[in-house]
Protein backbone atom coordinates (compact mmCIF):
# COMPACT_ATOMS: atom_id res chain seq x y z
CA UNK A 1 40.42 -77.45 100.09
CA UNK A 2 37.21 -77.95 98.13
CA UNK A 3 36.45 -75.77 95.13
CA UNK A 4 32.83 -75.01 94.62
CA UNK A 5 31.74 -74.02 91.16
CA UNK A 6 28.78 -71.68 91.02
CA UNK A 7 27.00 -71.48 87.68
CA UNK A 8 24.48 -68.76 87.07
CA UNK A 9 21.50 -69.77 85.03
CA UNK A 10 20.60 -67.01 82.59
CA UNK A 11 17.18 -67.16 81.08
CA UNK A 12 17.12 -65.49 77.68
CA UNK A 13 13.68 -64.34 76.70
CA UNK A 14 12.92 -64.19 72.97
CA UNK A 15 12.88 -60.60 71.80
CA UNK A 16 9.56 -59.28 70.60
CA UNK A 17 9.63 -58.33 66.91
CA UNK A 18 9.62 -54.63 66.26
CA UNK A 19 6.53 -53.40 64.47
CA UNK A 20 6.58 -51.05 61.50
CA UNK A 21 4.63 -47.84 62.08
CA UNK A 22 2.60 -47.12 58.95
CA UNK A 23 1.74 -43.57 57.89
CA UNK A 24 -1.88 -42.38 57.94
CA UNK A 25 -3.95 -44.07 55.26
CA UNK A 26 -1.23 -46.55 54.27
CA UNK A 27 -2.79 -49.55 56.05
CA UNK A 28 -6.04 -49.13 54.08
CA UNK A 29 -4.11 -48.46 50.86
CA UNK A 30 -1.98 -51.60 51.25
CA UNK A 31 -5.06 -53.70 52.08
CA UNK A 32 -6.80 -52.39 48.93
CA UNK A 33 -3.74 -53.24 46.80
CA UNK A 34 -3.60 -56.89 47.83
CA UNK A 35 -7.25 -57.32 46.80
CA UNK A 36 -6.71 -56.01 43.26
CA UNK A 37 -6.18 -58.63 40.57
CA UNK A 38 -4.44 -56.35 38.07
CA UNK A 39 -1.46 -55.50 40.31
CA UNK A 40 1.94 -57.15 39.73
CA UNK A 41 2.66 -60.08 42.05
CA UNK A 42 5.85 -58.48 43.44
CA UNK A 43 3.89 -55.36 44.43
CA UNK A 44 1.32 -57.52 46.24
CA UNK A 45 4.09 -59.41 48.10
CA UNK A 46 5.74 -56.14 49.13
CA UNK A 47 2.38 -54.86 50.40
CA UNK A 48 2.02 -58.08 52.44
CA UNK A 49 5.54 -57.61 53.85
CA UNK A 50 4.69 -54.11 55.10
CA UNK A 51 1.35 -55.21 56.56
CA UNK A 52 2.91 -58.22 58.28
CA UNK A 53 5.71 -56.12 59.74
CA UNK A 54 3.15 -53.56 60.95
CA UNK A 55 1.37 -56.46 62.69
CA UNK A 56 4.56 -57.50 64.51
CA UNK A 57 5.62 -60.51 62.41
CA UNK A 58 9.40 -61.02 62.53
CA UNK A 59 11.53 -60.37 59.46
CA UNK A 60 12.67 -64.02 59.50
CA UNK A 61 9.06 -65.29 59.57
CA UNK A 62 8.02 -62.94 56.76
CA UNK A 63 10.95 -64.19 54.65
CA UNK A 64 9.90 -67.80 55.31
CA UNK A 65 6.22 -67.15 54.47
CA UNK A 66 6.98 -65.54 51.08
CA UNK A 67 10.07 -67.65 50.30
CA UNK A 68 12.38 -64.61 50.28
CA UNK A 69 15.73 -63.80 51.84
CA UNK A 70 15.66 -61.79 55.06
CA UNK A 71 17.75 -59.17 53.20
CA UNK A 72 14.96 -58.72 50.60
CA UNK A 73 12.34 -58.31 53.33
CA UNK A 74 14.48 -55.82 55.23
CA UNK A 75 15.20 -53.87 52.01
CA UNK A 76 11.45 -53.46 51.41
CA UNK A 77 10.94 -52.27 55.00
CA UNK A 78 13.89 -49.85 54.78
CA UNK A 79 12.57 -48.41 51.51
CA UNK A 80 9.22 -47.76 53.20
CA UNK A 81 10.92 -45.98 56.09
CA UNK A 82 12.99 -43.88 53.64
CA UNK A 83 10.28 -42.95 51.16
CA UNK A 84 6.85 -44.35 51.94
CA UNK A 85 4.75 -46.81 49.98
CA UNK A 86 5.79 -45.72 46.47
CA UNK A 87 9.46 -46.28 47.30
CA UNK A 88 8.78 -49.67 48.95
CA UNK A 89 6.32 -51.10 46.43
CA UNK A 90 7.67 -49.95 43.09
CA UNK A 91 11.17 -50.44 41.72
CA UNK A 92 13.41 -47.41 41.39
CA UNK A 93 13.39 -45.74 38.01
CA UNK A 94 16.25 -46.89 35.81
CA UNK A 95 17.69 -45.00 32.87
CA UNK A 96 15.70 -45.68 29.72
CA UNK A 97 12.63 -46.70 31.70
CA UNK A 98 9.51 -44.55 31.23
CA UNK A 99 8.54 -42.26 34.10
CA UNK A 100 6.07 -43.95 36.46
CA UNK A 101 3.83 -40.88 36.67
CA UNK A 102 3.89 -38.91 33.44
CA UNK A 103 3.56 -35.14 33.05
CA UNK A 104 0.11 -35.71 31.51
CA UNK A 105 -0.94 -37.68 34.60
CA UNK A 106 0.33 -34.89 36.86
CA UNK A 107 -1.62 -32.36 34.78
CA UNK A 108 -4.77 -34.48 35.17
CA UNK A 109 -4.29 -34.67 38.97
CA UNK A 110 -3.89 -30.87 39.15
CA UNK A 111 -6.94 -30.44 36.92
CA UNK A 112 -9.03 -32.60 39.27
CA UNK A 113 -7.69 -30.78 42.36
CA UNK A 114 -8.66 -27.44 40.81
CA UNK A 115 -12.30 -28.45 40.48
CA UNK A 116 -14.87 -28.10 43.23
CA UNK A 117 -15.85 -31.54 44.53
CA UNK A 118 -19.49 -30.42 44.24
CA UNK A 119 -19.02 -30.02 40.46
CA UNK A 120 -18.00 -33.69 40.33
CA UNK A 121 -21.07 -34.90 42.21
CA UNK A 122 -19.77 -34.81 45.80
CA UNK A 123 -21.59 -33.13 48.67
CA UNK A 124 -18.59 -31.22 50.06
CA UNK A 125 -17.23 -27.93 48.73
CA UNK A 126 -13.64 -28.60 49.84
CA UNK A 127 -11.40 -31.52 48.97
CA UNK A 128 -9.76 -33.51 51.74
CA UNK A 129 -6.57 -35.33 50.80
CA UNK A 130 -8.34 -38.65 51.43
CA UNK A 131 -11.32 -37.77 49.18
CA UNK A 132 -9.11 -36.39 46.41
CA UNK A 133 -6.87 -39.47 46.59
CA UNK A 134 -9.89 -41.81 46.38
CA UNK A 135 -11.35 -39.86 43.45
CA UNK A 136 -8.03 -40.01 41.56
CA UNK A 137 -7.68 -43.76 42.13
CA UNK A 138 -11.25 -44.59 41.16
CA UNK A 139 -11.27 -42.43 37.98
CA UNK A 140 -7.67 -42.94 36.84
CA UNK A 141 -8.34 -45.83 34.45
CA UNK A 142 -11.20 -44.12 32.63
CA UNK A 143 -9.01 -41.01 32.28
CA UNK A 144 -6.28 -43.16 30.71
CA UNK A 145 -3.79 -43.09 33.61
CA UNK A 146 -3.70 -46.70 34.82
CA UNK A 147 -0.61 -46.09 37.01
CA UNK A 148 -2.62 -43.63 39.13
CA UNK A 149 -4.87 -46.46 40.35
CA UNK A 150 -2.07 -47.28 42.79
CA UNK A 151 -0.89 -43.75 43.59
CA UNK A 152 -0.44 -43.10 47.31
CA UNK A 153 -1.80 -40.31 49.50
CA UNK A 154 1.73 -39.04 50.07
CA UNK A 155 2.49 -38.90 46.32
CA UNK A 156 -0.70 -36.91 45.61
CA UNK A 157 0.33 -34.53 48.39
CA UNK A 158 3.85 -34.16 46.94
CA UNK A 159 2.49 -33.39 43.46
CA UNK A 160 0.20 -30.70 44.87
CA UNK A 161 2.99 -29.22 47.00
CA UNK A 162 5.40 -29.10 44.06
CA UNK A 163 2.77 -27.24 42.04
CA UNK A 164 1.81 -25.02 45.02
CA UNK A 165 -1.82 -26.17 44.75
CA UNK A 166 -3.83 -26.00 48.00
CA UNK A 167 -7.33 -27.25 47.23
CA UNK A 168 -7.92 -28.19 50.90
CA UNK A 169 -7.80 -24.58 52.07
CA UNK A 170 -9.75 -22.54 49.54
CA UNK A 171 -13.38 -23.10 48.66
CA UNK A 172 -13.95 -23.67 44.96
CA UNK A 173 -10.25 -23.29 44.25
CA UNK A 174 -10.79 -22.66 40.52
CA UNK A 175 -13.78 -21.05 38.87
CA UNK A 176 -15.35 -22.40 35.68
CA UNK A 177 -12.42 -23.52 33.59
CA UNK A 178 -11.45 -23.29 29.98
CA UNK A 179 -12.42 -26.57 28.25
CA UNK A 180 -8.81 -26.75 26.97
CA UNK A 181 -7.41 -26.34 30.51
CA UNK A 182 -5.68 -29.73 30.64
CA UNK A 183 -3.87 -29.35 27.30
CA UNK A 184 -2.81 -25.78 28.18
CA UNK A 185 -1.65 -26.90 31.62
CA UNK A 186 0.38 -29.68 29.97
CA UNK A 187 2.02 -27.10 27.65
CA UNK A 188 2.94 -24.92 30.64
CA UNK A 189 4.45 -27.91 32.48
CA UNK A 190 6.51 -28.81 29.40
CA UNK A 191 7.86 -25.23 29.21
CA UNK A 192 8.82 -25.31 32.91
CA UNK A 193 10.47 -28.71 32.48
CA UNK A 194 12.49 -27.50 29.47
CA UNK A 195 13.54 -24.36 31.37
CA UNK A 196 14.59 -26.50 34.37
CA UNK A 197 16.77 -28.77 32.19
CA UNK A 198 18.31 -25.77 30.39
CA UNK A 199 19.63 -24.37 33.70
């Protein structure tokens, strides 16, 4: 009796790398970051990681390109999925480390959002999130808030939501303001913060 061995040939196709789906505006934001010369190198590398993953580059290839472990690359990607660009690009706040976006910076953002764009030289009467975000980034340094040059769309939106500010819905959200508006707004925020910590 003759035994015949049948061997099945299985062709394994290489799996296509999964792409990372970026949120609206993040692709442009990440591209703008990698062109800036004043940004920390690790932030630029993390921006490259997200862009490469969005373009379908494998985690292993990204790790090889930037001389990183695959775990580091995956951690950056996971942080983006969990919390957007701020979470992925910037290290988590540690105890004793100053807050990334100070109360004064938040007050300045709210102050800008409460102004009519037309009063700042723009043609529109209503802010869009994109226009407000661009204005904040381009005027942050002259206002003394360097960290806001890299603030994301989503973080601006969160700050406005937390403060219940809706400049995109109401024309000329605030009328002519008190010249001391920003310092008074800061005082109010400090009172709220103290009350929150007292609870």
